[in-house]
Amino acid sequence: MSISWPVAAIVVALVFIIGLIILGSLSSRPGSLSRSKISAEVAKEEVQAKHDEQYRTLAADYETLAREMRDATSAIQSDLATMLERVDSIERMMREVG
């Protein structure tokens, strides 16, 4: 028994298409990752780690700035209080003299 060439071509094409469908479904399963997906995930994690490190550095810089501003504000308040006391004593002396 012999198969005609058009029937053989159709059978070969069907086997090829079924094989591609099976391979496609196996590689797109949720548990399996292709190399490109893995490298994309690794790249994403590297970028995320870099941004996390930059965020921590920025947050530390802002904490330092806030601490310095608080110290400067405290120093200015004490200097201002001292100046107000001096002005008050000078005004009292001027009232006593004048």
PDB file of N, CA and C in Angstrom:
ATOM      1  N   MET A   1       0.837  -1.150   0.000  1.00  0.00           N
ATOM      2  CA  MET A   1       0.000   0.000   0.000  1.00  0.00           C
ATOM      3  C   MET A   1       0.900   1.236   0.000  1.00  0.00           C
ATOM      4  N   SER A   2       0.583   2.174  -0.830  1.00  0.00           N
ATOM      5  CA  SER A   2       1.368   3.401  -0.898  1.00  0.00           C
ATOM      6  C   SER A   2       0.455   4.596  -0.663  1.00  0.00           C
ATOM      7  N   ILE A   3       1.028   5.615  -0.080  1.00  0.00           N
ATOM      8  CA  ILE A   3       0.282   6.845   0.218  1.00  0.00           C
ATOM      9  C   ILE A   3       0.659   7.854  -0.856  1.00  0.00           C
ATOM     10  N   SER A   4      -0.313   8.561  -1.333  1.00  0.00           N
ATOM     11  CA  SER A   4      -0.021   9.571  -2.355  1.00  0.00           C
ATOM     12  C   SER A   4       0.718  10.754  -1.705  1.00  0.00           C
ATOM     13  N   TRP A   5       1.463  11.496  -2.486  1.00  0.00           N
ATOM     14  CA  TRP A   5       2.286  12.573  -1.938  1.00  0.00           C
ATOM     15  C   TRP A   5       1.479  13.689  -1.293  1.00  0.00           C
ATOM     16  N   PRO A   6       0.289  14.058  -1.777  1.00  0.00           N
ATOM     17  CA  PRO A   6      -0.447  15.114  -1.071  1.00  0.00           C
ATOM     18  C   PRO A   6      -0.881  14.682   0.330  1.00  0.00           C
ATOM     19  N   VAL A   7      -1.285  13.419   0.466  1.00  0.00           N
ATOM     20  CA  VAL A   7      -1.697  12.910   1.781  1.00  0.00           C
ATOM     21  C   VAL A   7      -0.491  12.860   2.705  1.00  0.00           C
ATOM     22  N   ALA A   8       0.666  12.433   2.209  1.00  0.00           N
ATOM     23  CA  ALA A   8       1.888  12.376   3.014  1.00  0.00           C
ATOM     24  C   ALA A   8       2.301  13.778   3.460  1.00  0.00           C
ATOM     25  N   ALA A   9       2.195  14.762   2.580  1.00  0.00           N
ATOM     26  CA  ALA A   9       2.551  16.145   2.925  1.00  0.00           C
ATOM     27  C   ALA A   9       1.622  16.675   4.007  1.00  0.00           C
ATOM     28  N   ILE A  10       0.344  16.362   3.919  1.00  0.00           N
ATOM     29  CA  ILE A  10      -0.621  16.809   4.925  1.00  0.00           C
ATOM     30  C   ILE A  10      -0.344  16.156   6.267  1.00  0.00           C
ATOM     31  N   VAL A  11      -0.039  14.855   6.270  1.00  0.00           N
ATOM     32  CA  VAL A  11       0.268  14.143   7.515  1.00  0.00           C
ATOM     33  C   VAL A  11       1.522  14.727   8.161  1.00  0.00           C
ATOM     34  N   VAL A  12       2.561  14.953   7.368  1.00  0.00           N
ATOM     35  CA  VAL A  12       3.805  15.528   7.904  1.00  0.00           C
ATOM     36  C   VAL A  12       3.538  16.925   8.456  1.00  0.00           C
ATOM     37  N   ALA A  13       2.751  17.737   7.754  1.00  0.00           N
ATOM     38  CA  ALA A  13       2.432  19.088   8.224  1.00  0.00           C
ATOM     39  C   ALA A  13       1.640  19.029   9.525  1.00  0.00           C
ATOM     40  N   LEU A  14       0.682  18.119   9.625  1.00  0.00           N
ATOM     41  CA  LEU A  14      -0.106  17.984  10.852  1.00  0.00           C
ATOM     42  C   LEU A  14       0.764  17.563  12.030  1.00  0.00           C
ATOM     43  N   VAL A  15       1.663  16.592  11.798  1.00  0.00           N
ATOM     44  CA  VAL A  15       2.570  16.148  12.867  1.00  0.00           C
ATOM     45  C   VAL A  15       3.459  17.308  13.304  1.00  0.00           C
ATOM     46  N   PHE A  16       3.955  18.089  12.363  1.00  0.00           N
ATOM     47  CA  PHE A  16       4.808  19.233  12.667  1.00  0.00           C
ATOM     48  C   PHE A  16       4.037  20.281  13.473  1.00  0.00           C
ATOM     49  N   ILE A  17       2.821  20.591  13.064  1.00  0.00           N
ATOM     50  CA  ILE A  17       2.004  21.591  13.760  1.00  0.00           C
ATOM     51  C   ILE A  17       1.647  21.114  15.163  1.00  0.00           C
ATOM     52  N   ILE A  18       1.289  19.845  15.304  1.00  0.00           N
ATOM     53  CA  ILE A  18       0.976  19.305  16.634  1.00  0.00           C
ATOM     54  C   ILE A  18       2.207  19.363  17.530  1.00  0.00           C
ATOM     55  N   GLY A  19       3.362  19.042  16.983  1.00  0.00           N
ATOM     56  CA  GLY A  19       4.602  19.129  17.758  1.00  0.00           C
ATOM     57  C   GLY A  19       4.884  20.550  18.216  1.00  0.00           C
ATOM     58  N   LEU A  20       4.677  21.530  17.354  1.00  0.00           N
ATOM     59  CA  LEU A  20       4.878  22.926  17.734  1.00  0.00           C
ATOM     60  C   LEU A  20       3.900  23.357  18.820  1.00  0.00           C
ATOM     61  N   ILE A  21       2.671  22.920  18.715  1.00  0.00           N
ATOM     62  CA  ILE A  21       1.666  23.264  19.733  1.00  0.00           C
ATOM     63  C   ILE A  21       2.051  22.672  21.078  1.00  0.00           C
ATOM     64  N   ILE A  22       2.496  21.425  21.074  1.00  0.00           N
ATOM     65  CA  ILE A  22       2.892  20.778  22.333  1.00  0.00           C
ATOM     66  C   ILE A  22       4.099  21.483  22.934  1.00  0.00           C
ATOM     67  N   LEU A  23       5.112  21.776  22.132  1.00  0.00           N
ATOM     68  CA  LEU A  23       6.300  22.476  22.642  1.00  0.00           C
ATOM     69  C   LEU A  23       5.960  23.874  23.137  1.00  0.00           C
ATOM     70  N   GLY A  24       5.074  24.561  22.435  1.00  0.00           N
ATOM     71  CA  GLY A  24       4.658  25.895  22.863  1.00  0.00           C
ATOM     72  C   GLY A  24       3.926  25.871  24.182  1.00  0.00           C
ATOM     73  N   SER A  25       3.069  24.890  24.382  1.00  0.00           N
ATOM     74  CA  SER A  25       2.323  24.806  25.637  1.00  0.00           C
ATOM     75  C   SER A  25       3.231  24.407  26.792  1.00  0.00           C
ATOM     76  N   LEU A  26       4.244  23.580  26.533  1.00  0.00           N
ATOM     77  CA  LEU A  26       5.169  23.192  27.593  1.00  0.00           C
ATOM     78  C   LEU A  26       6.037  24.364  28.026  1.00  0.00           C
ATOM     79  N   SER A  27       6.471  25.187  27.076  1.00  0.00           N
ATOM     80  CA  SER A  27       7.354  26.299  27.438  1.00  0.00           C
ATOM     81  C   SER A  27       6.595  27.467  28.043  1.00  0.00           C
ATOM     82  N   SER A  28       5.296  27.546  27.857  1.00  0.00           N
ATOM     83  CA  SER A  28       4.536  28.668  28.412  1.00  0.00           C
ATOM     84  C   SER A  28       3.820  28.305  29.704  1.00  0.00           C
ATOM     85  N   ARG A  29       4.149  27.170  30.290  1.00  0.00           N
ATOM     86  CA  ARG A  29       3.554  26.804  31.573  1.00  0.00           C
ATOM     87  C   ARG A  29       4.005  27.789  32.628  1.00  0.00           C
ATOM     88  N   PRO A  30       3.169  28.072  33.638  1.00  0.00           N
ATOM     89  CA  PRO A  30       3.534  29.048  34.663  1.00  0.00           C
ATOM     90  C   PRO A  30       4.794  28.674  35.434  1.00  0.00           C
ATOM     91  N   GLY A  31       5.057  27.416  35.629  1.00  0.00           N
ATOM     92  CA  GLY A  31       6.221  27.001  36.401  1.00  0.00           C
ATOM     93  C   GLY A  31       7.519  27.053  35.634  1.00  0.00           C
ATOM     94  N   SER A  32       7.457  27.077  34.330  1.00  0.00           N
ATOM     95  CA  SER A  32       8.692  27.056  33.554  1.00  0.00           C
ATOM     96  C   SER A  32       9.023  28.443  33.046  1.00  0.00           C
ATOM     97  N   LEU A  33      10.299  28.781  33.121  1.00  0.00           N
ATOM     98  CA  LEU A  33      10.764  30.073  32.642  1.00  0.00           C
ATOM     99  C   LEU A  33      11.779  29.858  31.534  1.00  0.00           C
ATOM    100  N   SER A  34      11.627  30.592  30.487  1.00  0.00           N
ATOM    101  CA  SER A  34      12.604  30.499  29.413  1.00  0.00           C
ATOM    102  C   SER A  34      13.822  31.331  29.788  1.00  0.00           C
ATOM    103  N   ARG A  35      14.889  31.196  29.032  1.00  0.00           N
ATOM    104  CA  ARG A  35      16.115  31.938  29.331  1.00  0.00           C
ATOM    105  C   ARG A  35      15.889  33.440  29.272  1.00  0.00           C
ATOM    106  N   SER A  36      15.111  33.890  28.294  1.00  0.00           N
ATOM    107  CA  SER A  36      14.867  35.331  28.190  1.00  0.00           C
ATOM    108  C   SER A  36      14.073  35.842  29.376  1.00  0.00           C
ATOM    109  N   LYS A  37      13.112  35.035  29.842  1.00  0.00           N
ATOM    110  CA  LYS A  37      12.341  35.444  31.009  1.00  0.00           C
ATOM    111  C   LYS A  37      13.219  35.474  32.249  1.00  0.00           C
ATOM    112  N   ILE A  38      14.101  34.493  32.372  1.00  0.00           N
ATOM    113  CA  ILE A  38      15.000  34.444  33.525  1.00  0.00           C
ATOM    114  C   ILE A  38      15.938  35.635  33.504  1.00  0.00           C
ATOM    115  N   SER A  39      16.529  35.926  32.342  1.00  0.00           N
ATOM    116  CA  SER A  39      17.454  37.060  32.272  1.00  0.00           C
ATOM    117  C   SER A  39      16.713  38.371  32.500  1.00  0.00           C
ATOM    118  N   ALA A  40      15.470  38.463  32.054  1.00  0.00           N
ATOM    119  CA  ALA A  40      14.681  39.671  32.301  1.00  0.00           C
ATOM    120  C   ALA A  40      14.395  39.829  33.791  1.00  0.00           C
ATOM    121  N   GLU A  41      14.092  38.727  34.453  1.00  0.00           N
ATOM    122  CA  GLU A  41      13.845  38.776  35.894  1.00  0.00           C
ATOM    123  C   GLU A  41      15.111  39.179  36.657  1.00  0.00           C
ATOM    124  N   VAL A  42      16.252  38.619  36.248  1.00  0.00           N
ATOM    125  CA  VAL A  42      17.523  38.959  36.904  1.00  0.00           C
ATOM    126  C   VAL A  42      17.828  40.437  36.698  1.00  0.00           C
ATOM    127  N   ALA A  43      17.649  40.929  35.474  1.00  0.00           N
ATOM    128  CA  ALA A  43      17.898  42.341  35.187  1.00  0.00           C
ATOM    129  C   ALA A  43      16.961  43.230  36.003  1.00  0.00           C
ATOM    130  N   LYS A  44      15.714  42.815  36.112  1.00  0.00           N
ATOM    131  CA  LYS A  44      14.738  43.582  36.894  1.00  0.00           C
ATOM    132  C   LYS A  44      15.145  43.643  38.365  1.00  0.00           C
ATOM    133  N   GLU A  45      15.598  42.515  38.907  1.00  0.00           N
ATOM    134  CA  GLU A  45      16.021  42.479  40.307  1.00  0.00           C
ATOM    135  C   GLU A  45      17.268  43.331  40.527  1.00  0.00           C
ATOM    136  N   GLU A  46      18.196  43.339  39.557  1.00  0.00           N
ATOM    137  CA  GLU A  46      19.388  44.165  39.679  1.00  0.00           C
ATOM    138  C   GLU A  46      19.023  45.647  39.683  1.00  0.00           C
ATOM    139  N   VAL A  47      18.115  46.036  38.803  1.00  0.00           N
ATOM    140  CA  VAL A  47      17.687  47.434  38.750  1.00  0.00           C
ATOM    141  C   VAL A  47      16.970  47.806  40.040  1.00  0.00           C
ATOM    142  N   GLN A  48      16.132  46.901  40.531  1.00  0.00           N
ATOM    143  CA  GLN A  48      15.410  47.162  41.770  1.00  0.00           C
ATOM    144  C   GLN A  48      16.376  47.312  42.939  1.00  0.00           C
ATOM    145  N   ALA A  49      17.399  46.453  42.994  1.00  0.00           N
ATOM    146  CA  ALA A  49      18.391  46.548  44.064  1.00  0.00           C
ATOM    147  C   ALA A  49      19.147  47.870  43.985  1.00  0.00           C
ATOM    148  N   LYS A  50      19.485  48.282  42.763  1.00  0.00           N
ATOM    149  CA  LYS A  50      20.197  49.554  42.580  1.00  0.00           C
ATOM    150  C   LYS A  50      19.326  50.711  43.055  1.00  0.00           C
ATOM    151  N   HIS A  51      18.035  50.690  42.694  1.00  0.00           N
ATOM    152  CA  HIS A  51      17.136  51.759  43.117  1.00  0.00           C
ATOM    153  C   HIS A  51      16.922  51.734  44.631  1.00  0.00           C
ATOM    154  N   ASP A  52      16.854  50.537  45.213  1.00  0.00           N
ATOM    155  CA  ASP A  52      16.713  50.448  46.669  1.00  0.00           C
ATOM    156  C   ASP A  52      17.921  51.052  47.360  1.00  0.00           C
ATOM    157  N   GLU A  53      19.111  50.767  46.848  1.00  0.00           N
ATOM    158  CA  GLU A  53      20.338  51.314  47.428  1.00  0.00           C
ATOM    159  C   GLU A  53      20.365  52.839  47.282  1.00  0.00           C
ATOM    160  N   GLN A  54      19.980  53.340  46.124  1.00  0.00           N
ATOM    161  CA  GLN A  54      19.937  54.790  45.914  1.00  0.00           C
ATOM    162  C   GLN A  54      18.911  55.436  46.844  1.00  0.00           C
ATOM    163  N   TYR A  55      17.781  54.767  47.050  1.00  0.00           N
ATOM    164  CA  TYR A  55      16.750  55.293  47.948  1.00  0.00           C
ATOM    165  C   TYR A  55      17.272  55.360  49.378  1.00  0.00           C
ATOM    166  N   ARG A  56      17.947  54.298  49.808  1.00  0.00           N
ATOM    167  CA  ARG A  56      18.500  54.302  51.176  1.00  0.00           C
ATOM    168  C   ARG A  56      19.524  55.408  51.348  1.00  0.00           C
ATOM    169  N   THR A  57      20.366  55.607  50.345  1.00  0.00           N
ATOM    170  CA  THR A  57      21.364  56.673  50.408  1.00  0.00           C
ATOM    171  C   THR A  57      20.682  58.031  50.478  1.00  0.00           C
ATOM    172  N   LEU A  58      19.677  58.236  49.651  1.00  0.00           N
ATOM    173  CA  LEU A  58      18.944  59.496  49.646  1.00  0.00           C
ATOM    174  C   LEU A  58      18.237  59.719  50.979  1.00  0.00           C
ATOM    175  N   ALA A  59      17.624  58.677  51.517  1.00  0.00           N
ATOM    176  CA  ALA A  59      16.942  58.794  52.809  1.00  0.00           C
ATOM    177  C   ALA A  59      17.930  59.146  53.916  1.00  0.00           C
ATOM    178  N   ALA A  60      19.121  58.535  53.892  1.00  0.00           N
ATOM    179  CA  ALA A  60      20.146  58.854  54.886  1.00  0.00           C
ATOM    180  C   ALA A  60      20.603  60.302  54.745  1.00  0.00           C
ATOM    181  N   ASP A  61      20.748  60.768  53.501  1.00  0.00           N
ATOM    182  CA  ASP A  61      21.137  62.168  53.277  1.00  0.00           C
ATOM    183  C   ASP A  61      20.082  63.121  53.825  1.00  0.00           C
ATOM    184  N   TYR A  62      18.814  62.818  53.598  1.00  0.00           N
ATOM    185  CA  TYR A  62      17.749  63.675  54.120  1.00  0.00           C
ATOM    186  C   TYR A  62      17.693  63.632  55.642  1.00  0.00           C
ATOM    187  N   GLU A  63      17.953  62.485  56.243  1.00  0.00           N
ATOM    188  CA  GLU A  63      17.999  62.411  57.702  1.00  0.00           C
ATOM    189  C   GLU A  63      19.116  63.282  58.247  1.00  0.00           C
ATOM    190  N   THR A  64      20.270  63.227  57.600  1.00  0.00           N
ATOM    191  CA  THR A  64      21.405  64.056  58.022  1.00  0.00           C
ATOM    192  C   THR A  64      21.056  65.532  57.881  1.00  0.00           C
ATOM    193  N   LEU A  65      20.445  65.892  56.761  1.00  0.00           N
ATOM    194  CA  LEU A  65      20.045  67.276  56.544  1.00  0.00           C
ATOM    195  C   LEU A  65      19.041  67.730  57.595  1.00  0.00           C
ATOM    196  N   ALA A  66      18.074  66.886  57.910  1.00  0.00           N
ATOM    197  CA  ALA A  66      17.070  67.231  58.919  1.00  0.00           C
ATOM    198  C   ALA A  66      17.726  67.423  60.288  1.00  0.00           C
ATOM    199  N   ARG A  67      18.662  66.555  60.624  1.00  0.00           N
ATOM    200  CA  ARG A  67      19.366  66.666  61.900  1.00  0.00           C
ATOM    201  C   ARG A  67      20.166  67.968  61.954  1.00  0.00           C
ATOM    202  N   GLU A  68      20.870  68.291  60.869  1.00  0.00           N
ATOM    203  CA  GLU A  68      21.653  69.523  60.824  1.00  0.00           C
ATOM    204  C   GLU A  68      20.748  70.748  60.912  1.00  0.00           C
ATOM    205  N   MET A  69      19.611  70.720  60.227  1.00  0.00           N
ATOM    206  CA  MET A  69      18.671  71.843  60.282  1.00  0.00           C
ATOM    207  C   MET A  69      18.096  72.004  61.683  1.00  0.00           C
ATOM    208  N   ARG A  70      17.800  70.887  62.348  1.00  0.00           N
ATOM    209  CA  ARG A  70      17.275  70.954  63.711  1.00  0.00           C
ATOM    210  C   ARG A  70      18.319  71.553  64.648  1.00  0.00           C
ATOM    211  N   ASP A  71      19.583  71.126  64.495  1.00  0.00           N
ATOM    212  CA  ASP A  71      20.650  71.676  65.329  1.00  0.00           C
ATOM    213  C   ASP A  71      20.850  73.167  65.050  1.00  0.00           C
ATOM    214  N   ALA A  72      20.814  73.546  63.769  1.00  0.00           N
ATOM    215  CA  ALA A  72      20.988  74.959  63.410  1.00  0.00           C
ATOM    216  C   ALA A  72      19.836  75.798  63.947  1.00  0.00           C
ATOM    217  N   THR A  73      18.622  75.284  63.849  1.00  0.00           N
ATOM    218  CA  THR A  73      17.459  76.007  64.359  1.00  0.00           C
ATOM    219  C   THR A  73      17.557  76.180  65.862  1.00  0.00           C
ATOM    220  N   SER A  74      18.005  75.150  66.546  1.00  0.00           N
ATOM    221  CA  SER A  74      18.172  75.231  67.995  1.00  0.00           C
ATOM    222  C   SER A  74      19.227  76.274  68.354  1.00  0.00           C
ATOM    223  N   ALA A  75      20.335  76.272  67.618  1.00  0.00           N
ATOM    224  CA  ALA A  75      21.399  77.258  67.875  1.00  0.00           C
ATOM    225  C   ALA A  75      20.901  78.670  67.598  1.00  0.00           C
ATOM    226  N   ILE A  76      20.149  78.865  66.529  1.00  0.00           N
ATOM    227  CA  ILE A  76      19.613  80.188  66.204  1.00  0.00           C
ATOM    228  C   ILE A  76      18.641  80.646  67.287  1.00  0.00           C
ATOM    229  N   GLN A  77      17.804  79.733  67.790  1.00  0.00           N
ATOM    230  CA  GLN A  77      16.851  80.103  68.835  1.00  0.00           C
ATOM    231  C   GLN A  77      17.574  80.532  70.106  1.00  0.00           C
ATOM    232  N   SER A  78      18.632  79.814  70.471  1.00  0.00           N
ATOM    233  CA  SER A  78      19.364  80.204  71.682  1.00  0.00           C
ATOM    234  C   SER A  78      20.092  81.535  71.470  1.00  0.00           C
ATOM    235  N   ASP A  79      20.657  81.743  70.270  1.00  0.00           N
ATOM    236  CA  ASP A  79      21.308  83.026  69.978  1.00  0.00           C
ATOM    237  C   ASP A  79      20.286  84.160  70.000  1.00  0.00           C
ATOM    238  N   LEU A  80      19.127  83.931  69.450  1.00  0.00           N
ATOM    239  CA  LEU A  80      18.076  84.941  69.436  1.00  0.00           C
ATOM    240  C   LEU A  80      17.614  85.261  70.854  1.00  0.00           C
ATOM    241  N   ALA A  81      17.483  84.242  71.688  1.00  0.00           N
ATOM    242  CA  ALA A  81      17.084  84.470  73.076  1.00  0.00           C
ATOM    243  C   ALA A  81      18.138  85.312  73.792  1.00  0.00           C
ATOM    244  N   THR A  82      19.403  85.027  73.531  1.00  0.00           N
ATOM    245  CA  THR A  82      20.488  85.811  74.140  1.00  0.00           C
ATOM    246  C   THR A  82      20.430  87.255  73.667  1.00  0.00           C
ATOM    247  N   MET A  83      20.222  87.452  72.368  1.00  0.00           N
ATOM    248  CA  MET A  83      20.145  88.812  71.821  1.00  0.00           C
ATOM    249  C   MET A  83      18.947  89.570  72.402  1.00  0.00           C
ATOM    250  N   LEU A  84      17.810  88.884  72.536  1.00  0.00           N
ATOM    251  CA  LEU A  84      16.633  89.537  73.112  1.00  0.00           C
ATOM    252  C   LEU A  84      16.875  89.952  74.556  1.00  0.00           C
ATOM    253  N   GLU A  85      17.574  89.131  75.304  1.00  0.00           N
ATOM    254  CA  GLU A  85      17.914  89.495  76.686  1.00  0.00           C
ATOM    255  C   GLU A  85      18.807  90.726  76.698  1.00  0.00           C
ATOM    256  N   ARG A  86      19.771  90.785  75.815  1.00  0.00           N
ATOM    257  CA  ARG A  86      20.675  91.945  75.741  1.00  0.00           C
ATOM    258  C   ARG A  86      19.906  93.209  75.368  1.00  0.00           C
ATOM    259  N   VAL A  87      19.037  93.091  74.358  1.00  0.00           N
ATOM    260  CA  VAL A  87      18.239  94.250  73.938  1.00  0.00           C
ATOM    261  C   VAL A  87      17.347  94.705  75.077  1.00  0.00           C
ATOM    262  N   ASP A  88      16.760  93.766  75.801  1.00  0.00           N
ATOM    263  CA  ASP A  88      15.892  94.100  76.924  1.00  0.00           C
ATOM    264  C   ASP A  88      16.684  94.824  78.010  1.00  0.00           C
ATOM    265  N   SER A  89      17.876  94.348  78.299  1.00  0.00           N
ATOM    266  CA  SER A  89      18.680  95.016  79.342  1.00  0.00           C
ATOM    267  C   SER A  89      19.135  96.399  78.881  1.00  0.00           C
ATOM    268  N   ILE A  90      19.442  96.546  77.591  1.00  0.00           N
ATOM    269  CA  ILE A  90      19.837  97.865  77.069  1.00  0.00           C
ATOM    270  C   ILE A  90      18.645  98.817  77.143  1.00  0.00           C
ATOM    271  N   GLU A  91      17.444  98.345  76.835  1.00  0.00           N
ATOM    272  CA  GLU A  91      16.248  99.190  76.914  1.00  0.00           C
ATOM    273  C   GLU A  91      15.988  99.620  78.354  1.00  0.00           C
ATOM    274  N   ARG A  92      16.184  98.708  79.300  1.00  0.00           N
ATOM    275  CA  ARG A  92      16.000  99.070  80.719  1.00  0.00           C
ATOM    276  C   ARG A  92      16.997 100.138  81.143  1.00  0.00           C
ATOM    277  N   MET A  93      18.251  99.992  80.700  1.00  0.00           N
ATOM    278  CA  MET A  93      19.258 101.002  81.044  1.00  0.00           C
ATOM    279  C   MET A  93      18.913 102.352  80.427  1.00  0.00           C
ATOM    280  N   MET A  94      18.413 102.352  79.184  1.00  0.00           N
ATOM    281  CA  MET A  94      18.062 103.588  78.509  1.00  0.00           C
ATOM    282  C   MET A  94      16.887 104.269  79.230  1.00  0.00           C
ATOM    283  N   ARG A  95      15.929 103.504  79.730  1.00  0.00           N
ATOM    284  CA  ARG A  95      14.800 104.072  80.458  1.00  0.00           C
ATOM    285  C   ARG A  95      15.263 104.687  81.786  1.00  0.00           C
ATOM    286  N   GLU A  96      16.193 103.992  82.448  1.00  0.00           N
ATOM    287  CA  GLU A  96      16.687 104.490  83.740  1.00  0.00           C
ATOM    288  C   GLU A  96      17.479 105.784  83.550  1.00  0.00           C
ATOM    289  N   VAL A  97      18.260 105.841  82.479  1.00  0.00           N
ATOM    290  CA  VAL A  97      19.092 107.024  82.228  1.00  0.00           C
ATOM    291  C   VAL A  97      18.223 108.184  81.721  1.00  0.00           C
ATOM    292  N   GLY A  98      17.314 107.866  80.825  1.00  0.00           N
ATOM    293  CA  GLY A  98      16.563 108.920  80.150  1.00  0.00           C
ATOM    294  C   GLY A  98      15.338 109.299  80.843  1.00  0.00           C
TER     295      GLY A  98
END
